[in-house]
């Protein structure tokens, strides 16, 4: 019972993304990634981590899309030109 209460308290205090690391493939993961013999995943019941993962993914997508307008270039005109 102490283990359950401790995990519930940890879940209440957490505000970001909880990544679970395991040697076995997750049966029911929201998202998972395998690297160097370990599985990294977000549990399918963890709505806080899911929402924050979606937000981080959105930020990365926004950063990866090139702009449609050229960057502003400050210029100083010299001479009369007229």
C-alpha atoms as a PDB file:
ATOM      1  CA  UNK A   1       0.000   0.000   0.000  1.00  0.00           C
ATOM      2  CA  UNK A   2       2.920   2.370   0.723  1.00  0.00           C
ATOM      3  CA  UNK A   3       4.193   1.761  -2.830  1.00  0.00           C
ATOM      4  CA  UNK A   4       0.815   2.722  -4.317  1.00  0.00           C
ATOM      5  CA  UNK A   5       0.513   5.828  -2.137  1.00  0.00           C
ATOM      6  CA  UNK A   6       4.076   6.847  -2.990  1.00  0.00           C
ATOM      7  CA  UNK A   7       3.453   6.513  -6.722  1.00  0.00           C
ATOM      8  CA  UNK A   8       0.167   8.399  -6.464  1.00  0.00           C
ATOM      9  CA  UNK A   9       1.916  11.239  -4.616  1.00  0.00           C
ATOM     10  CA  UNK A  10       4.690  11.282  -7.236  1.00  0.00           C
ATOM     11  CA  UNK A  11       2.084  11.500 -10.000  1.00  0.00           C
ATOM     12  CA  UNK A  12       0.424  14.465  -8.283  1.00  0.00           C
ATOM     13  CA  UNK A  13       3.713  16.352  -7.953  1.00  0.00           C
ATOM     14  CA  UNK A  14       4.898  15.686 -11.515  1.00  0.00           C
ATOM     15  CA  UNK A  15       4.233  18.311 -14.150  1.00  0.00           C
ATOM     16  CA  UNK A  16       6.216  17.316 -17.251  1.00  0.00           C
ATOM     17  CA  UNK A  17       6.810  14.006 -19.058  1.00  0.00           C
ATOM     18  CA  UNK A  18       7.364  10.678 -17.343  1.00  0.00           C
ATOM     19  CA  UNK A  19       9.430   8.348 -19.552  1.00  0.00           C
ATOM     20  CA  UNK A  20       9.450   4.691 -18.514  1.00  0.00           C
ATOM     21  CA  UNK A  21      12.570   2.628 -19.299  1.00  0.00           C
ATOM     22  CA  UNK A  22      12.289  -1.144 -19.627  1.00  0.00           C
ATOM     23  CA  UNK A  23      14.100  -4.058 -21.259  1.00  0.00           C
ATOM     24  CA  UNK A  24      10.797  -5.503 -22.493  1.00  0.00           C
ATOM     25  CA  UNK A  25       8.654  -3.993 -25.249  1.00  0.00           C
ATOM     26  CA  UNK A  26       5.628  -2.157 -23.839  1.00  0.00           C
ATOM     27  CA  UNK A  27       2.299  -3.826 -24.540  1.00  0.00           C
ATOM     28  CA  UNK A  28       0.183  -0.685 -24.341  1.00  0.00           C
ATOM     29  CA  UNK A  29       2.304   2.433 -24.831  1.00  0.00           C
ATOM     30  CA  UNK A  30       1.128   5.839 -26.016  1.00  0.00           C
ATOM     31  CA  UNK A  31       4.476   6.290 -27.775  1.00  0.00           C
ATOM     32  CA  UNK A  32       7.640   4.178 -27.591  1.00  0.00           C
ATOM     33  CA  UNK A  33      11.236   4.185 -28.786  1.00  0.00           C
ATOM     34  CA  UNK A  34      13.848   1.399 -28.766  1.00  0.00           C
ATOM     35  CA  UNK A  35      17.544   2.253 -28.369  1.00  0.00           C
ATOM     36  CA  UNK A  36      20.553   0.178 -27.300  1.00  0.00           C
ATOM     37  CA  UNK A  37      18.569  -2.680 -25.811  1.00  0.00           C
ATOM     38  CA  UNK A  38      16.074  -0.552 -23.870  1.00  0.00           C
ATOM     39  CA  UNK A  39      12.527   0.587 -24.552  1.00  0.00           C
ATOM     40  CA  UNK A  40      11.587   4.159 -23.655  1.00  0.00           C
ATOM     41  CA  UNK A  41       7.874   4.888 -23.572  1.00  0.00           C
ATOM     42  CA  UNK A  42       4.958   6.891 -22.221  1.00  0.00           C
ATOM     43  CA  UNK A  43       2.191   4.887 -20.599  1.00  0.00           C
ATOM     44  CA  UNK A  44      -1.157   4.898 -22.397  1.00  0.00           C
ATOM     45  CA  UNK A  45      -2.937   6.003 -19.180  1.00  0.00           C
ATOM     46  CA  UNK A  46      -0.618   8.956 -18.439  1.00  0.00           C
ATOM     47  CA  UNK A  47      -2.601  11.901 -19.814  1.00  0.00           C
ATOM     48  CA  UNK A  48      -0.250  14.563 -18.395  1.00  0.00           C
ATOM     49  CA  UNK A  49       2.777  13.100 -20.184  1.00  0.00           C
ATOM     50  CA  UNK A  50       0.750  12.633 -23.373  1.00  0.00           C
ATOM     51  CA  UNK A  51      -0.347  16.276 -23.472  1.00  0.00           C
ATOM     52  CA  UNK A  52       3.144  17.553 -22.718  1.00  0.00           C
ATOM     53  CA  UNK A  53       4.649  15.234 -25.342  1.00  0.00           C
ATOM     54  CA  UNK A  54       2.193  16.630 -27.901  1.00  0.00           C
ATOM     55  CA  UNK A  55       3.179  20.179 -26.922  1.00  0.00           C
ATOM     56  CA  UNK A  56       6.912  19.472 -27.261  1.00  0.00           C
ATOM     57  CA  UNK A  57       6.256  17.751 -30.609  1.00  0.00           C
ATOM     58  CA  UNK A  58       4.334  20.808 -31.791  1.00  0.00           C
ATOM     59  CA  UNK A  59       7.207  23.118 -30.794  1.00  0.00           C
ATOM     60  CA  UNK A  60       9.700  20.945 -32.660  1.00  0.00           C
ATOM     61  CA  UNK A  61       7.464  20.939 -35.745  1.00  0.00           C
ATOM     62  CA  UNK A  62       7.151  24.724 -35.664  1.00  0.00           C
ATOM     63  CA  UNK A  63      10.922  25.093 -35.337  1.00  0.00           C
ATOM     64  CA  UNK A  64      11.558  22.664 -38.209  1.00  0.00           C
ATOM     65  CA  UNK A  65       9.355  24.426 -40.780  1.00  0.00           C
ATOM     66  CA  UNK A  66      11.329  26.983 -42.816  1.00  0.00           C
ATOM     67  CA  UNK A  67       9.911  30.471 -43.070  1.00  0.00           C
ATOM     68  CA  UNK A  68       8.208  31.598 -46.274  1.00  0.00           C
ATOM     69  CA  UNK A  69       9.604  35.118 -46.201  1.00  0.00           C
ATOM     70  CA  UNK A  70      13.298  35.943 -46.386  1.00  0.00           C
ATOM     71  CA  UNK A  71      14.894  37.177 -43.171  1.00  0.00           C
ATOM     72  CA  UNK A  72      15.050  40.919 -42.637  1.00  0.00           C
ATOM     73  CA  UNK A  73      18.332  42.420 -43.767  1.00  0.00           C
ATOM     74  CA  UNK A  74      19.188  45.887 -42.496  1.00  0.00           C
ATOM     75  CA  UNK A  75      20.612  48.101 -45.261  1.00  0.00           C
ATOM     76  CA  UNK A  76      21.958  51.626 -45.395  1.00  0.00           C
ATOM     77  CA  UNK A  77      21.641  53.478 -48.698  1.00  0.00           C
ATOM     78  CA  UNK A  78      24.662  55.576 -49.615  1.00  0.00           C
ATOM     79  CA  UNK A  79      24.624  58.214 -52.324  1.00  0.00           C
ATOM     80  CA  UNK A  80      22.017  60.382 -53.997  1.00  0.00           C
ATOM     81  CA  UNK A  81      20.796  57.841 -56.510  1.00  0.00           C
ATOM     82  CA  UNK A  82      18.997  60.495 -58.342  1.00  0.00           C
END
